[in-house]
Protein backbone atom coordinates (compact mmCIF):
# COMPACT_ATOMS: atom_id res chain seq x y z
CA MET A 1 117.96 126.94 116.17
CA ALA A 2 119.43 125.04 113.20
CA ASP A 3 119.61 121.84 115.27
CA ALA A 4 115.96 122.19 116.27
CA PHE A 5 115.01 122.67 112.61
CA ARG A 6 117.05 119.60 111.58
CA LYS A 7 115.35 117.45 114.20
CA PHE A 8 111.80 118.51 113.23
CA PRO A 9 111.69 116.30 110.08
CA LEU A 10 113.03 113.46 112.19
CA ALA A 11 110.09 113.96 114.52
CA ILE A 12 107.76 113.68 111.52
CA ALA A 13 109.43 110.47 110.35
CA LEU A 14 109.40 108.94 113.80
CA SER A 15 105.78 109.99 114.34
CA LEU A 16 104.77 108.36 111.06
CA THR A 17 106.64 105.20 111.98
CA LEU A 18 105.07 105.10 115.44
CA LEU A 19 101.63 105.74 113.98
CA LEU A 20 102.10 102.86 111.56
CA ARG A 21 103.28 100.54 114.30
CA ILE A 22 100.29 101.39 116.49
CA SER A 23 97.58 101.49 113.83
CA LEU A 24 98.55 98.45 111.79
CA PRO A 25 98.58 94.92 113.11
CA PHE A 26 102.06 93.49 113.46
CA PRO A 27 102.24 90.47 111.14
CA PRO A 28 104.07 87.39 112.38
CA ILE A 29 107.62 87.39 111.04
CA ALA A 30 107.25 84.04 109.27
CA SER A 31 104.09 85.10 107.43
CA ALA A 32 105.53 88.53 106.60
CA ALA A 33 108.59 86.95 105.03
CA ALA A 34 106.45 84.52 103.04
CA GLN A 35 104.18 87.23 101.60
CA GLU A 36 105.07 89.04 98.41
CA ASN A 37 103.86 92.54 97.73
CA PRO A 38 103.35 93.11 93.99
CA LEU A 39 104.00 96.84 94.45
CA ALA A 40 107.33 96.15 96.15
CA THR A 41 108.30 93.76 93.35
CA GLN A 42 107.30 96.36 90.74
CA VAL A 43 109.36 99.00 92.52
CA CYS A 44 112.42 96.79 92.94
CA ARG A 45 112.39 95.79 89.27
CA ASN A 46 112.91 99.47 88.47
CA THR A 47 116.09 99.84 90.52
CA THR A 48 119.72 98.99 89.84
CA ASP A 49 119.94 96.52 92.74
CA PHE A 50 116.84 94.34 93.07
CA ASP A 51 118.13 92.39 96.10
CA PHE A 52 119.15 95.54 98.01
CA CYS A 53 115.73 97.02 97.26
CA ARG A 54 113.90 93.93 98.55
CA ARG A 55 116.02 93.80 101.71
CA SER A 56 115.40 97.50 102.32
CA ILE A 57 111.66 97.34 101.82
CA TYR A 58 111.03 94.03 103.57
CA SER A 59 113.06 95.07 106.62
CA ASP A 60 109.81 96.74 107.64
CA PRO A 61 107.20 94.24 108.87
CA HIS A 62 104.38 96.17 107.18
CA ALA A 63 105.89 95.90 103.70
CA PRO A 64 104.09 92.71 102.61
CA THR A 65 100.68 94.39 102.92
CA ALA A 66 101.69 97.99 102.16
CA ASP A 67 99.80 100.10 99.67
CA ARG A 68 101.67 102.73 97.67
CA ALA A 69 101.44 105.40 100.40
CA LEU A 70 102.74 103.09 103.12
CA LEU A 71 105.46 101.81 100.80
CA ALA A 72 106.49 105.44 100.24
CA VAL A 73 106.54 106.09 104.00
CA ILE A 74 108.66 102.97 104.54
CA ILE A 75 111.34 103.79 101.97
CA PHE A 76 111.44 107.58 102.37
CA THR A 77 111.74 107.15 106.15
CA LYS A 78 114.57 104.66 105.64
CA ALA A 79 116.28 107.13 103.26
CA TYR A 80 115.77 109.99 105.72
CA LEU A 81 117.25 108.04 108.62
CA ASN A 82 120.19 106.94 106.47
CA ALA A 83 120.84 110.50 105.24
CA THR A 84 120.73 111.99 108.74
CA ASP A 85 123.05 109.28 110.04
CA THR A 86 125.44 109.93 107.14
CA ARG A 87 125.26 113.68 107.71
CA ASP A 88 126.09 113.21 111.39
CA HIS A 89 128.99 110.91 110.44
CA ILE A 90 130.31 113.54 108.02
CA ALA A 91 129.99 116.28 110.68
CA ALA A 92 132.05 114.16 113.08
CA ARG A 93 134.68 113.58 110.38
CA VAL A 94 134.84 117.31 109.61
CA LYS A 95 135.35 118.05 113.31
CA SER A 96 138.01 115.35 113.55
CA VAL A 97 139.92 116.59 110.49
CA ALA A 98 139.71 120.20 111.69
CA GLY A 99 140.90 119.19 115.17
CA GLY A 100 143.86 117.38 113.64
CA GLY A 101 145.06 120.49 111.83
CA GLY A 102 143.86 119.41 108.37
CA GLY A 103 141.00 121.92 108.13
CA ASP A 104 142.16 123.29 104.77
CA SER A 105 143.01 119.96 103.15
CA GLY A 106 141.19 118.65 100.10
CA VAL A 107 139.54 115.99 102.24
CA ALA A 108 138.28 118.60 104.71
CA ARG A 109 136.90 120.76 101.87
CA GLY A 110 135.25 117.72 100.32
CA LEU A 111 133.68 116.70 103.61
CA ARG A 112 132.35 120.22 104.22
CA SER A 113 130.84 120.16 100.74
CA CYS A 114 129.28 116.76 101.51
CA LEU A 115 127.83 118.17 104.71
CA ARG A 116 126.00 120.83 102.68
CA ARG A 117 124.96 118.23 100.09
CA TYR A 118 123.48 115.95 102.72
CA ASP A 119 121.64 118.90 104.29
CA GLU A 120 119.98 119.36 100.88
CA ALA A 121 119.28 115.63 100.50
CA ILE A 122 117.68 115.58 103.96
CA ARG A 123 115.58 118.62 103.08
CA ALA A 124 114.30 116.93 99.90
CA VAL A 125 113.43 113.65 101.63
CA SER A 126 111.85 115.56 104.56
CA GLU A 127 109.66 117.44 102.12
CA VAL A 128 108.33 114.15 100.75
CA LEU A 129 107.67 112.84 104.27
CA GLY A 130 105.79 116.04 105.08
CA ASP A 131 103.77 115.71 101.88
CA LEU A 132 102.95 112.08 102.71
CA ASN A 133 101.77 113.22 106.12
CA ASP A 134 99.49 115.76 104.38
CA ASP A 135 98.30 113.25 101.73
CA THR A 136 99.93 115.37 99.04
CA PHE A 137 101.61 113.21 96.42
CA TYR A 138 103.32 115.67 94.10
CA ASP A 139 106.98 116.05 93.06
CA PHE A 140 108.17 112.85 94.76
CA ASP A 141 110.13 112.00 91.62
CA LYS A 142 111.91 115.35 91.45
CA LEU A 143 112.72 115.36 95.15
CA SER A 144 114.04 111.77 94.95
CA LEU A 145 116.32 112.73 92.07
CA GLU A 146 117.43 115.85 93.95
CA ALA A 147 118.37 113.77 96.99
CA GLU A 148 120.26 111.27 94.83
CA SER A 149 122.09 113.97 92.88
CA ASN A 150 123.30 115.56 96.11
CA ALA A 151 124.85 112.27 97.24
CA ARG A 152 126.42 111.79 93.80
CA ALA A 153 127.80 115.35 93.92
CA CYS A 154 129.25 114.63 97.35
CA GLU A 155 131.05 111.59 95.96
CA SER A 156 132.29 113.29 92.79
CA GLY A 157 133.66 116.21 94.81
CA PHE A 158 136.58 113.99 95.84
CA HIS A 159 137.68 113.17 92.27
CA GLY A 160 138.00 109.52 93.19
CA ARG A 161 136.91 107.35 96.07
CA SER A 162 135.81 109.48 98.99
CA PRO A 163 136.22 108.64 102.67
CA ILE A 164 132.45 108.08 102.75
CA THR A 165 131.98 106.16 99.49
CA PRO A 166 130.18 103.18 101.09
CA ARG A 167 127.69 105.51 102.78
CA ASN A 168 127.13 107.46 99.56
CA GLU A 169 126.55 104.23 97.65
CA ILE A 170 123.91 103.07 100.12
CA PHE A 171 122.10 106.40 100.11
CA ILE A 172 122.17 106.54 96.31
CA LYS A 173 120.55 103.08 96.19
CA LEU A 174 117.91 104.19 98.70
CA ALA A 175 117.23 107.33 96.65
CA GLU A 176 116.84 105.13 93.55
CA ILE A 177 114.22 103.10 95.42
CA CYS A 178 112.53 106.36 96.43
CA PHE A 179 112.40 107.37 92.78
CA ALA A 180 110.95 103.98 91.79
CA VAL A 181 108.28 104.36 94.50
CA SER A 182 107.54 107.88 93.25
CA GLN A 183 106.53 106.34 89.92
CA LEU A 184 103.54 104.83 91.74
CA PHE A 185 102.22 108.40 92.10
CA PRO A 186 101.62 109.67 88.54
CA TYR A 187 100.85 113.35 88.06
CA ASN A 188 97.21 114.18 87.37
């Protein structure tokens, strides 16, 4: 039952991505790379890593012509897919550590904590994707910060560099982009 529930938000994200791919014309790669989206530039200027932000956004061929809602779908979907991949990686590491007899070690406890943290991050990002699907644009900022804080808490739970630091760093940057995109949706 829990696996089915975890996969439901993925179905939403994949459905949104498929819908975008079908409903929007696919721009030629050369023209897509040459086009600048002022919204994407505005968003990336409000992050800690402008180049990472641009690479993340423009990896989607619809980014050059995206409005704020499509830009949100692009980056929140990317964050969702990254978080679920990271969560699955952590689950495999937990299983590996437990199978090796280190189930009570500090690393194992930290990884189990990270597993719970990424479940929460996925829930927050999934909520935004569901809201985007319903044309409801409220609390994106809070949910972005919640997702980011869960990844930061995962990292800090190791009191030093964790075995998943690179993955945490990437998700934190994606969550920062999500927060910057959320600023395009001011509260009424």
